[in-house]
Structure formats: structure tokens, C-alpha cells
Amino acid sequence: MGELNKIMTFKNDTPNDVIAKVKKQIEESGGKITSETSTVAKMIMYTIPEGIITVFSEDDNQHILADENDGVVTTQ
């Protein structure tokens, strides 16, 4: 089983303690935070083992805009 590369984007008004809590949940699920940024948007990039589903509390979900697979984006 491999790993999935993911990107999670938070709302701009998300408190830092909420982001820290989500990062801890990812790590406790066997994932690894690979990068983060707050320059344009609050985002974390992470890897997580395939087959692992991480469920975030309802309080945390209200701050998450997107959680998507990382990959190459092309235009036609």
C-alpha cells in the first residue's frame, strides 16, 4: 500500500490552534505534514497511507475549504 499526497485548504479566518489540532490528527493517523503556507491561503500539504480515512470533528470541518489529492495540473 502506498501513500497519498494531499492538500488541505482552510478558511482565512481559521485560528492557528485549529490548524495545529488538524495537523496532530493527521500525524496520529500515520500521516506526515510535508509543508504548510499562509501566504496566499492557509494550507497544509501532507501524506497519508492509502486506505486511511481521517475524520475531523464538526468544529474543525467548518474551517476546512477543501481537502484534495495533490497532483499535476494541466491546461488544454
Protein backbone atom coordinates (compact mmCIF):
# COMPACT_ATOMS: atom_id res chain seq x y z
CA MET A 1 0.00 0.00 0.00
CA GLY A 2 1.34 3.45 -0.91
CA GLU A 3 0.83 6.95 0.31
CA LEU A 4 -1.50 9.68 -0.87
CA ASN A 5 -0.27 13.26 -1.26
CA LYS A 6 -2.96 15.66 -0.09
CA ILE A 7 -3.55 19.41 0.17
CA MET A 8 -5.91 20.88 2.76
CA THR A 9 -7.06 24.48 2.46
CA PHE A 10 -8.53 26.36 5.41
CA LYS A 11 -10.69 29.46 5.54
CA ASN A 12 -8.59 32.61 6.03
CA ASP A 13 -10.07 33.28 9.48
CA THR A 14 -9.19 29.81 10.82
CA PRO A 15 -7.44 30.09 14.20
CA ASN A 16 -3.92 28.65 14.35
CA ASP A 17 -4.91 26.30 17.19
CA VAL A 18 -7.50 24.64 14.91
CA ILE A 19 -4.86 24.09 12.22
CA ALA A 20 -2.49 22.65 14.85
CA LYS A 21 -5.24 20.26 16.02
CA VAL A 22 -5.90 19.05 12.45
CA LYS A 23 -2.16 18.55 11.86
CA LYS A 24 -1.96 16.47 15.06
CA GLN A 25 -4.91 14.32 13.90
CA ILE A 26 -3.19 13.70 10.56
CA GLU A 27 0.05 12.66 12.30
CA GLU A 28 -1.83 10.42 14.76
CA SER A 29 -3.41 8.68 11.74
CA GLY A 30 0.03 7.82 10.35
CA GLY A 31 0.32 10.86 8.11
CA LYS A 32 3.16 13.34 7.77
CA ILE A 33 2.97 17.11 7.28
CA THR A 34 5.26 17.90 4.34
CA SER A 35 4.71 21.65 4.01
CA GLU A 36 2.45 24.50 5.00
CA THR A 37 1.81 28.05 3.92
CA SER A 38 -0.29 31.03 4.86
CA THR A 39 1.00 33.49 2.26
CA VAL A 40 -1.99 33.43 -0.12
CA ALA A 41 -4.20 30.94 1.70
CA LYS A 42 -3.87 28.84 4.84
CA MET A 43 -2.86 25.42 3.52
CA ILE A 44 -1.09 22.27 4.66
CA MET A 45 0.38 19.64 2.40
CA TYR A 46 0.62 16.13 3.80
CA THR A 47 0.98 12.46 3.01
CA ILE A 48 -1.20 9.76 4.48
CA PRO A 49 -1.16 5.98 3.94
CA GLU A 50 -3.67 4.73 1.36
CA GLY A 51 -6.74 3.26 2.99
CA ILE A 52 -6.61 5.60 5.99
CA ILE A 53 -9.64 7.82 6.36
CA THR A 54 -9.19 10.70 8.77
CA VAL A 55 -12.40 12.14 10.16
CA PHE A 56 -12.22 15.63 11.59
CA SER A 57 -14.59 16.91 14.24
CA GLU A 58 -17.53 19.01 13.15
CA ASP A 59 -15.91 22.05 14.77
CA ASP A 60 -12.80 21.58 12.62
CA ASN A 61 -14.78 20.85 9.44
CA GLN A 62 -16.33 24.31 9.47
CA HIS A 63 -12.83 25.74 8.88
CA ILE A 64 -11.82 23.41 6.01
CA LEU A 65 -12.49 24.71 2.50
CA ALA A 66 -11.02 21.73 0.63
CA ASP A 67 -9.11 18.50 1.18
CA GLU A 68 -7.94 17.17 -2.15
CA ASN A 69 -5.34 14.92 -3.72
CA ASP A 70 -2.15 16.69 -4.74
CA GLY A 71 -1.07 16.16 -8.32
CA VAL A 72 -0.03 17.68 -11.59
CA VAL A 73 -2.45 20.23 -13.02
CA THR A 74 -2.51 20.73 -16.78
CA THR A 75 -4.44 23.05 -19.07
CA GLN A 76 -5.52 22.45 -22.63
